Amino acid sequence: MRLFRKFLGDESGASVVELGLLAPILSGLLIGVVDLGKGFSEKLVLEQVAQRAIEKAMQGVQVDSQSSIFATLKSEAATEAGVQNSAVVVKYWLECNGTSTFVDFASMDTKYNDDCPAGQRYARFIEVKIEKAYTPTFAMPWLNTNSAGKVLVKARAGTRVQ
């Protein structure tokens, strides 16, 4: 009986037991934070690619004289982001007195090059959107994943060009 009382009063191994209980929780938090950091890094890369496409539009950089600057931007942004061309949307439009003339992508070229009626203020805009699927290292139930276990990361950049 004295032996048990001696062990009950002994606190020398308490910190090891506490660490053993907390270690899985702390490692789970660390893994989750690292995974979220990688996902956020992927988003920053996509934002940089979208912003670079906008910079090229502002500078008028065009690789191929046969295609429009906007088609060139789309293919270059897709290549830099490591996605298919369908994951990049380049939208450009004209606004007359603050009202957009954008109707659909089929008529986007002609509407962009139209003129506003006399006396109206005009402005032309461009916007680049990129989407990419990010695969988390660990499946976390609270993460908004699709059926394939991937998170859709989106980036957007735009500016007024005229």
N, C-alpha and C. Protein backbone atom coordinates (compact mmCIF):
# COMPACT_ATOMS: atom_id res chain seq x y z
N MET A 1 0.81 -1.18 0.00
CA MET A 1 0.00 0.00 0.00
C MET A 1 0.87 1.26 0.00
N ARG A 2 1.97 1.21 0.74
CA ARG A 2 2.87 2.35 0.77
C ARG A 2 3.47 2.60 -0.62
N LEU A 3 3.70 1.54 -1.33
CA LEU A 3 4.27 1.65 -2.67
C LEU A 3 3.34 2.44 -3.59
N PHE A 4 2.04 2.18 -3.51
CA PHE A 4 1.08 2.90 -4.34
C PHE A 4 0.99 4.37 -3.96
N ARG A 5 1.05 4.68 -2.67
CA ARG A 5 1.03 6.07 -2.23
C ARG A 5 2.26 6.81 -2.73
N LYS A 6 3.35 6.12 -2.76
CA LYS A 6 4.57 6.73 -3.25
C LYS A 6 4.42 7.11 -4.73
N PHE A 7 3.82 6.23 -5.54
CA PHE A 7 3.62 6.51 -6.96
C PHE A 7 2.56 7.59 -7.18
N LEU A 8 1.55 7.64 -6.34
CA LEU A 8 0.51 8.66 -6.48
C LEU A 8 1.07 10.06 -6.23
N GLY A 9 1.99 10.19 -5.37
CA GLY A 9 2.58 11.49 -5.05
C GLY A 9 3.71 11.88 -6.00
N ASP A 10 4.18 10.95 -6.80
CA ASP A 10 5.30 11.21 -7.71
C ASP A 10 4.80 11.93 -8.96
N GLU A 11 5.39 13.09 -9.29
CA GLU A 11 4.99 13.86 -10.47
C GLU A 11 6.13 13.95 -11.49
N SER A 12 7.12 13.14 -11.40
CA SER A 12 8.29 13.26 -12.27
C SER A 12 7.99 12.89 -13.72
N GLY A 13 7.05 12.04 -14.02
CA GLY A 13 6.76 11.65 -15.41
C GLY A 13 5.52 12.31 -15.98
N ALA A 14 4.94 13.26 -15.26
CA ALA A 14 3.68 13.88 -15.70
C ALA A 14 3.85 14.63 -17.02
N SER A 15 4.95 15.31 -17.20
CA SER A 15 5.14 16.09 -18.43
C SER A 15 5.26 15.17 -19.65
N VAL A 16 5.86 14.01 -19.48
CA VAL A 16 5.98 13.06 -20.59
C VAL A 16 4.61 12.54 -20.99
N VAL A 17 3.78 12.26 -20.01
CA VAL A 17 2.42 11.78 -20.29
C VAL A 17 1.61 12.88 -20.98
N GLU A 18 1.74 14.11 -20.50
CA GLU A 18 1.01 15.23 -21.11
C GLU A 18 1.47 15.45 -22.55
N LEU A 19 2.77 15.36 -22.78
CA LEU A 19 3.28 15.49 -24.14
C LEU A 19 2.76 14.37 -25.02
N GLY A 20 2.70 13.17 -24.49
CA GLY A 20 2.17 12.03 -25.25
C GLY A 20 0.71 12.22 -25.63
N LEU A 21 -0.04 12.90 -24.78
CA LEU A 21 -1.44 13.16 -25.09
C LEU A 21 -1.60 14.31 -26.09
N LEU A 22 -0.75 15.31 -26.01
CA LEU A 22 -0.87 16.48 -26.87
C LEU A 22 -0.15 16.35 -28.22
N ALA A 23 0.83 15.47 -28.33
CA ALA A 23 1.62 15.34 -29.55
C ALA A 23 0.77 15.06 -30.79
N PRO A 24 -0.19 14.13 -30.76
CA PRO A 24 -1.01 13.92 -31.96
C PRO A 24 -1.83 15.14 -32.35
N ILE A 25 -2.32 15.86 -31.37
CA ILE A 25 -3.12 17.05 -31.66
C ILE A 25 -2.24 18.13 -32.28
N LEU A 26 -1.07 18.36 -31.70
CA LEU A 26 -0.16 19.37 -32.23
C LEU A 26 0.34 19.02 -33.62
N SER A 27 0.65 17.75 -33.85
CA SER A 27 1.12 17.35 -35.18
C SER A 27 0.00 17.48 -36.21
N GLY A 28 -1.23 17.17 -35.82
CA GLY A 28 -2.37 17.35 -36.73
C GLY A 28 -2.57 18.81 -37.10
N LEU A 29 -2.43 19.70 -36.14
CA LEU A 29 -2.53 21.14 -36.42
C LEU A 29 -1.41 21.60 -37.35
N LEU A 30 -0.20 21.13 -37.09
CA LEU A 30 0.93 21.51 -37.91
C LEU A 30 0.75 21.04 -39.35
N ILE A 31 0.32 19.80 -39.53
CA ILE A 31 0.10 19.27 -40.88
C ILE A 31 -0.99 20.07 -41.59
N GLY A 32 -2.06 20.40 -40.88
CA GLY A 32 -3.14 21.18 -41.48
C GLY A 32 -2.70 22.56 -41.90
N VAL A 33 -1.92 23.22 -41.07
CA VAL A 33 -1.43 24.56 -41.39
C VAL A 33 -0.48 24.52 -42.59
N VAL A 34 0.37 23.53 -42.65
CA VAL A 34 1.29 23.40 -43.79
C VAL A 34 0.51 23.17 -45.08
N ASP A 35 -0.51 22.33 -45.03
CA ASP A 35 -1.33 22.04 -46.20
C ASP A 35 -2.09 23.29 -46.66
N LEU A 36 -2.65 24.03 -45.73
CA LEU A 36 -3.34 25.27 -46.08
C LEU A 36 -2.36 26.29 -46.66
N GLY A 37 -1.16 26.33 -46.13
CA GLY A 37 -0.13 27.23 -46.65
C GLY A 37 0.23 26.91 -48.09
N LYS A 38 0.32 25.62 -48.40
CA LYS A 38 0.61 25.22 -49.78
C LYS A 38 -0.52 25.62 -50.72
N GLY A 39 -1.76 25.48 -50.26
CA GLY A 39 -2.90 25.89 -51.07
C GLY A 39 -2.93 27.39 -51.30
N PHE A 40 -2.62 28.15 -50.26
CA PHE A 40 -2.58 29.61 -50.38
C PHE A 40 -1.45 30.04 -51.31
N SER A 41 -0.33 29.33 -51.25
CA SER A 41 0.78 29.62 -52.14
C SER A 41 0.37 29.39 -53.59
N GLU A 42 -0.40 28.35 -53.83
CA GLU A 42 -0.91 28.08 -55.19
C GLU A 42 -1.80 29.23 -55.66
N LYS A 43 -2.62 29.75 -54.77
CA LYS A 43 -3.49 30.89 -55.12
C LYS A 43 -2.66 32.12 -55.46
N LEU A 44 -1.60 32.37 -54.70
CA LEU A 44 -0.74 33.52 -54.99
C LEU A 44 -0.06 33.39 -56.34
N VAL A 45 0.34 32.17 -56.70
CA VAL A 45 0.95 31.95 -58.01
C VAL A 45 -0.05 32.28 -59.11
N LEU A 46 -1.30 31.82 -58.95
CA LEU A 46 -2.32 32.11 -59.95
C LEU A 46 -2.60 33.61 -60.05
N GLU A 47 -2.62 34.30 -58.93
CA GLU A 47 -2.84 35.75 -58.95
C GLU A 47 -1.70 36.46 -59.67
N GLN A 48 -0.47 36.01 -59.45
CA GLN A 48 0.67 36.62 -60.14
C GLN A 48 0.58 36.40 -61.64
N VAL A 49 0.16 35.22 -62.05
CA VAL A 49 0.01 34.93 -63.48
C VAL A 49 -1.07 35.83 -64.08
N ALA A 50 -2.19 35.98 -63.40
CA ALA A 50 -3.27 36.83 -63.90
C ALA A 50 -2.82 38.29 -63.98
N GLN A 51 -2.09 38.75 -62.97
CA GLN A 51 -1.61 40.14 -62.99
C GLN A 51 -0.57 40.35 -64.08
N ARG A 52 0.24 39.34 -64.33
CA ARG A 52 1.24 39.44 -65.41
C ARG A 52 0.54 39.53 -66.76
N ALA A 53 -0.55 38.80 -66.93
CA ALA A 53 -1.30 38.89 -68.18
C ALA A 53 -1.87 40.29 -68.37
N ILE A 54 -2.34 40.89 -67.30
CA ILE A 54 -2.85 42.26 -67.37
C ILE A 54 -1.73 43.23 -67.73
N GLU A 55 -0.54 43.03 -67.15
CA GLU A 55 0.60 43.89 -67.48
C GLU A 55 0.95 43.79 -68.96
N LYS A 56 0.91 42.57 -69.50
CA LYS A 56 1.20 42.39 -70.92
C LYS A 56 0.16 43.09 -71.78
N ALA A 57 -1.09 43.05 -71.36
CA ALA A 57 -2.14 43.75 -72.12
C ALA A 57 -1.90 45.25 -72.11
N MET A 58 -1.46 45.77 -70.98
CA MET A 58 -1.20 47.21 -70.87
C MET A 58 0.00 47.62 -71.73
N GLN A 59 0.98 46.72 -71.88
CA GLN A 59 2.16 47.02 -72.68
C GLN A 59 1.96 46.72 -74.15
N GLY A 60 0.90 45.98 -74.48
CA GLY A 60 0.64 45.63 -75.87
C GLY A 60 1.56 44.55 -76.39
N VAL A 61 2.05 43.69 -75.52
CA VAL A 61 2.95 42.61 -75.93
C VAL A 61 2.15 41.55 -76.67
N GLN A 62 2.55 41.29 -77.92
CA GLN A 62 1.84 40.31 -78.73
C GLN A 62 2.86 39.44 -79.44
N VAL A 63 2.79 38.14 -79.23
CA VAL A 63 3.77 37.23 -79.82
C VAL A 63 3.45 36.96 -81.27
N ASP A 64 2.19 36.69 -81.57
CA ASP A 64 1.77 36.28 -82.90
C ASP A 64 0.91 37.38 -83.52
N SER A 65 1.29 37.88 -84.69
CA SER A 65 0.53 38.96 -85.31
C SER A 65 -0.78 38.47 -85.92
N GLN A 66 -0.95 37.16 -86.06
CA GLN A 66 -2.17 36.61 -86.65
C GLN A 66 -3.32 36.53 -85.66
N SER A 67 -3.02 36.47 -84.38
CA SER A 67 -4.09 36.37 -83.38
C SER A 67 -4.15 37.65 -82.56
N SER A 68 -5.28 37.84 -81.90
CA SER A 68 -5.44 39.07 -81.11
C SER A 68 -4.59 39.00 -79.85
N ILE A 69 -4.36 40.15 -79.27
CA ILE A 69 -3.59 40.22 -78.03
C ILE A 69 -4.27 39.43 -76.92
N PHE A 70 -5.60 39.40 -76.95
CA PHE A 70 -6.35 38.73 -75.89
C PHE A 70 -6.25 37.21 -76.00
N ALA A 71 -6.22 36.68 -77.22
CA ALA A 71 -6.03 35.24 -77.41
C ALA A 71 -4.63 34.83 -76.97
N THR A 72 -3.66 35.69 -77.28
CA THR A 72 -2.29 35.43 -76.85
C THR A 72 -2.19 35.43 -75.33
N LEU A 73 -2.86 36.38 -74.68
CA LEU A 73 -2.84 36.44 -73.22
C LEU A 73 -3.43 35.18 -72.61
N LYS A 74 -4.49 34.69 -73.19
CA LYS A 74 -5.15 33.50 -72.66
C LYS A 74 -4.22 32.29 -72.72
N SER A 75 -3.59 32.06 -73.87
CA SER A 75 -2.72 30.89 -74.00
C SER A 75 -1.47 31.02 -73.13
N GLU A 76 -0.90 32.22 -73.04
CA GLU A 76 0.28 32.41 -72.20
C GLU A 76 -0.04 32.24 -70.72
N ALA A 77 -1.17 32.79 -70.29
CA ALA A 77 -1.56 32.65 -68.89
C ALA A 77 -1.82 31.19 -68.54
N ALA A 78 -2.44 30.46 -69.46
CA ALA A 78 -2.70 29.03 -69.22
C ALA A 78 -1.39 28.26 -69.11
N THR A 79 -0.44 28.57 -69.97
CA THR A 79 0.85 27.89 -69.92
C THR A 79 1.59 28.19 -68.62
N GLU A 80 1.62 29.47 -68.23
CA GLU A 80 2.33 29.86 -67.00
C GLU A 80 1.68 29.27 -65.75
N ALA A 81 0.34 29.16 -65.77
CA ALA A 81 -0.37 28.64 -64.59
C ALA A 81 -0.38 27.12 -64.57
N GLY A 82 -0.04 26.49 -65.68
CA GLY A 82 -0.05 25.03 -65.74
C GLY A 82 -1.45 24.45 -65.82
N VAL A 83 -2.34 25.15 -66.54
CA VAL A 83 -3.73 24.70 -66.69
C VAL A 83 -4.09 24.66 -68.17
N GLN A 84 -5.25 24.08 -68.47
CA GLN A 84 -5.76 24.07 -69.84
C GLN A 84 -6.25 25.47 -70.21
N ASN A 85 -6.33 25.76 -71.51
CA ASN A 85 -6.83 27.06 -71.96
C ASN A 85 -8.25 27.32 -71.47
N SER A 86 -9.03 26.26 -71.31
CA SER A 86 -10.42 26.42 -70.87
C SER A 86 -10.52 26.91 -69.43
N ALA A 87 -9.45 26.80 -68.65
CA ALA A 87 -9.46 27.25 -67.26
C ALA A 87 -9.14 28.74 -67.12
N VAL A 88 -8.81 29.38 -68.24
CA VAL A 88 -8.49 30.81 -68.24
C VAL A 88 -9.57 31.55 -69.03
N VAL A 89 -10.10 32.60 -68.43
CA VAL A 89 -11.11 33.43 -69.10
C VAL A 89 -10.56 34.85 -69.21
N VAL A 90 -10.44 35.33 -70.44
CA VAL A 90 -10.04 36.71 -70.67
C VAL A 90 -11.29 37.45 -71.18
N LYS A 91 -11.72 38.40 -70.40
CA LYS A 91 -12.93 39.16 -70.73
C LYS A 91 -12.55 40.63 -70.90
N TYR A 92 -13.01 41.22 -71.98
CA TYR A 92 -12.75 42.64 -72.21
C TYR A 92 -14.05 43.27 -72.71
N TRP A 93 -14.28 44.51 -72.27
CA TRP A 93 -15.56 45.14 -72.60
C TRP A 93 -15.43 46.66 -72.61
N LEU A 94 -16.43 47.27 -73.23
CA LEU A 94 -16.54 48.72 -73.32
C LEU A 94 -17.68 49.16 -72.41
N GLU A 95 -17.48 50.26 -71.72
CA GLU A 95 -18.56 50.85 -70.92
C GLU A 95 -18.86 52.25 -71.45
N CYS A 96 -20.14 52.51 -71.65
CA CYS A 96 -20.60 53.83 -72.07
C CYS A 96 -21.40 54.42 -70.91
N ASN A 97 -20.93 55.54 -70.37
CA ASN A 97 -21.55 56.16 -69.19
C ASN A 97 -21.71 55.18 -68.03
N GLY A 98 -20.73 54.31 -67.85
CA GLY A 98 -20.74 53.37 -66.73
C GLY A 98 -21.56 52.12 -66.96
N THR A 99 -22.15 51.96 -68.14
CA THR A 99 -22.96 50.78 -68.46
C THR A 99 -22.17 49.88 -69.40
N SER A 100 -22.01 48.63 -69.02
CA SER A 100 -21.24 47.68 -69.82
C SER A 100 -22.00 47.30 -71.09
N THR A 101 -21.25 47.19 -72.19
CA THR A 101 -21.84 46.74 -73.45
C THR A 101 -21.63 45.24 -73.65
N PHE A 102 -21.03 44.58 -72.67
CA PHE A 102 -20.77 43.14 -72.78
C PHE A 102 -22.09 42.37 -72.78
N VAL A 103 -22.28 41.53 -73.80
CA VAL A 103 -23.47 40.69 -73.89
C VAL A 103 -23.08 39.23 -73.73
N ASP A 104 -22.14 38.79 -74.56
CA ASP A 104 -21.65 37.42 -74.49
C ASP A 104 -20.25 37.38 -75.10
N PHE A 105 -19.59 36.24 -74.97
CA PHE A 105 -18.22 36.13 -75.45
C PHE A 105 -18.16 36.10 -76.98
N ALA A 106 -19.24 35.69 -77.64
CA ALA A 106 -19.24 35.63 -79.10
C ALA A 106 -19.17 37.02 -79.72
N SER A 107 -19.83 38.00 -79.10
CA SER A 107 -19.84 39.36 -79.64
C SER A 107 -18.86 40.29 -78.93
N MET A 108 -17.98 39.72 -78.12
CA MET A 108 -17.09 40.53 -77.30
C MET A 108 -16.14 41.39 -78.14
N ASP A 109 -15.57 40.83 -79.21
CA ASP A 109 -14.63 41.59 -80.05
C ASP A 109 -15.28 42.81 -80.67
N THR A 110 -16.45 42.62 -81.28
CA THR A 110 -17.09 43.74 -81.96
C THR A 110 -17.58 44.79 -80.96
N LYS A 111 -18.14 44.36 -79.84
CA LYS A 111 -18.63 45.32 -78.84
C LYS A 111 -17.48 46.12 -78.24
N TYR A 112 -16.33 45.46 -78.04
CA TYR A 112 -15.17 46.14 -77.45
C TYR A 112 -14.66 47.25 -78.37
N ASN A 113 -14.70 47.00 -79.67
CA ASN A 113 -14.18 47.97 -80.64
C ASN A 113 -15.21 49.00 -81.09
N ASP A 114 -16.45 48.89 -80.62
CA ASP A 114 -17.48 49.88 -80.95
C ASP A 114 -17.15 51.22 -80.31
N ASP A 115 -17.88 52.23 -80.74
CA ASP A 115 -17.76 53.56 -80.14
C ASP A 115 -19.03 53.86 -79.37
N CYS A 116 -18.90 54.65 -78.32
CA CYS A 116 -20.07 55.08 -77.56
C CYS A 116 -20.75 56.22 -78.32
N PRO A 117 -22.05 56.41 -78.11
CA PRO A 117 -22.73 57.55 -78.73
C PRO A 117 -22.08 58.87 -78.31
N ALA A 118 -22.23 59.86 -79.15
CA ALA A 118 -21.61 61.16 -78.89
C ALA A 118 -22.06 61.73 -77.55
N GLY A 119 -21.11 62.27 -76.82
CA GLY A 119 -21.41 62.90 -75.54
C GLY A 119 -21.35 61.96 -74.34
N GLN A 120 -21.18 60.67 -74.58
CA GLN A 120 -21.11 59.72 -73.46
C GLN A 120 -19.65 59.44 -73.10
N ARG A 121 -19.41 59.25 -71.81
CA ARG A 121 -18.08 58.87 -71.34
C ARG A 121 -17.84 57.40 -71.66
N TYR A 122 -16.64 57.09 -72.09
CA TYR A 122 -16.33 55.70 -72.42
C TYR A 122 -15.13 55.21 -71.61
N ALA A 123 -15.10 53.90 -71.42
CA ALA A 123 -13.98 53.25 -70.74
C ALA A 123 -13.91 51.81 -71.22
N ARG A 124 -12.70 51.33 -71.41
CA ARG A 124 -12.50 49.93 -71.81
C ARG A 124 -11.77 49.21 -70.68
N PHE A 125 -12.20 47.98 -70.43
CA PHE A 125 -11.67 47.18 -69.32
C PHE A 125 -11.24 45.81 -69.82
N ILE A 126 -10.33 45.21 -69.07
CA ILE A 126 -9.93 43.82 -69.31
C ILE A 126 -9.86 43.11 -67.97
N GLU A 127 -10.22 41.83 -67.98
CA GLU A 127 -10.20 41.02 -66.77
C GLU A 127 -9.73 39.62 -67.13
N VAL A 128 -8.86 39.06 -66.30
CA VAL A 128 -8.35 37.70 -66.49
C VAL A 128 -8.73 36.88 -65.26
N LYS A 129 -9.38 35.74 -65.49
CA LYS A 129 -9.74 34.82 -64.40
C LYS A 129 -9.08 33.47 -64.68
N ILE A 130 -8.52 32.88 -63.63
CA ILE A 130 -7.87 31.58 -63.75
C ILE A 130 -8.39 30.67 -62.65
N GLU A 131 -8.66 29.42 -63.00
CA GLU A 131 -9.08 28.41 -62.02
C GLU A 131 -8.16 27.21 -62.12
N LYS A 132 -7.79 26.66 -60.98
CA LYS A 132 -6.93 25.48 -60.95
C LYS A 132 -7.32 24.61 -59.77
N ALA A 133 -7.29 23.31 -59.98
CA ALA A 133 -7.62 22.37 -58.91
C ALA A 133 -6.37 22.09 -58.09
N TYR A 134 -6.48 22.28 -56.79
CA TYR A 134 -5.37 22.01 -55.86
C TYR A 134 -5.70 20.74 -55.08
N THR A 135 -4.77 19.81 -55.05
CA THR A 135 -4.96 18.57 -54.32
C THR A 135 -4.27 18.68 -52.96
N PRO A 136 -5.05 18.73 -51.88
CA PRO A 136 -4.43 18.78 -50.55
C PRO A 136 -3.65 17.50 -50.27
N THR A 137 -2.60 17.63 -49.48
CA THR A 137 -1.79 16.46 -49.12
C THR A 137 -2.58 15.49 -48.27
N PHE A 138 -3.40 16.03 -47.37
CA PHE A 138 -4.20 15.20 -46.48
C PHE A 138 -5.67 15.56 -46.63
N ALA A 139 -6.52 14.55 -46.62
CA ALA A 139 -7.96 14.79 -46.71
C ALA A 139 -8.46 15.32 -45.38
N MET A 140 -8.99 16.53 -45.42
CA MET A 140 -9.54 17.14 -44.21
C MET A 140 -11.04 17.33 -44.42
N PRO A 141 -11.86 16.81 -43.53
CA PRO A 141 -13.31 16.86 -43.76
C PRO A 141 -13.88 18.27 -43.78
N TRP A 142 -13.26 19.22 -43.14
CA TRP A 142 -13.77 20.58 -43.09
C TRP A 142 -13.36 21.41 -44.30
N LEU A 143 -12.48 20.84 -45.15
CA LEU A 143 -12.04 21.55 -46.34
C LEU A 143 -13.09 21.37 -47.43
N ASN A 144 -13.37 22.42 -48.17
CA ASN A 144 -14.41 22.40 -49.20
C ASN A 144 -13.86 21.74 -50.47
N THR A 145 -13.81 20.40 -50.48
CA THR A 145 -13.28 19.68 -51.62
C THR A 145 -14.41 19.17 -52.51
N ASN A 146 -14.08 18.90 -53.78
CA ASN A 146 -15.07 18.32 -54.67
C ASN A 146 -15.03 16.80 -54.54
N SER A 147 -15.76 16.10 -55.41
CA SER A 147 -15.84 14.64 -55.30
C SER A 147 -14.50 13.96 -55.55
N ALA A 148 -13.60 14.62 -56.25
CA ALA A 148 -12.27 14.06 -56.50
C ALA A 148 -11.28 14.39 -55.39
N GLY A 149 -11.73 15.10 -54.36
CA GLY A 149 -10.85 15.46 -53.25
C GLY A 149 -9.97 16.66 -53.53
N LYS A 150 -10.36 17.49 -54.49
CA LYS A 150 -9.56 18.66 -54.85
C LYS A 150 -10.30 19.94 -54.47
N VAL A 151 -9.52 20.99 -54.25
CA VAL A 151 -10.07 22.30 -53.93
C VAL A 151 -9.86 23.20 -55.15
N LEU A 152 -10.92 23.89 -55.57
CA LEU A 152 -10.81 24.79 -56.72
C LEU A 152 -10.25 26.13 -56.25
N VAL A 153 -9.07 26.47 -56.76
CA VAL A 153 -8.41 27.73 -56.41
C VAL A 153 -8.66 28.70 -57.56
N LYS A 154 -9.10 29.91 -57.23
CA LYS A 154 -9.44 30.91 -58.25
C LYS A 154 -8.63 32.18 -58.04
N ALA A 155 -8.28 32.82 -59.16
CA ALA A 155 -7.59 34.11 -59.11
C ALA A 155 -8.18 35.01 -60.18
N ARG A 156 -8.17 36.30 -59.90
CA ARG A 156 -8.75 37.26 -60.85
C ARG A 156 -7.96 38.56 -60.79
N ALA A 157 -7.74 39.14 -61.96
CA ALA A 157 -7.09 40.45 -62.04
C ALA A 157 -7.75 41.22 -63.18
N GLY A 158 -7.87 42.50 -63.02
CA GLY A 158 -8.48 43.32 -64.06
C GLY A 158 -8.05 44.76 -63.93
N THR A 159 -8.24 45.50 -65.01
CA THR A 159 -7.89 46.91 -65.00
C THR A 159 -8.60 47.65 -66.12
N ARG A 160 -8.62 48.95 -66.01
CA ARG A 160 -9.13 49.79 -67.09
C ARG A 160 -7.98 50.05 -68.04
N VAL A 161 -8.21 49.85 -69.33
CA VAL A 161 -7.15 50.03 -70.31
C VAL A 161 -7.31 51.31 -71.12
N GLN A 162 -8.49 51.92 -71.08
CA GLN A 162 -8.68 53.18 -71.81
C GLN A 162 -9.77 53.99 -71.15
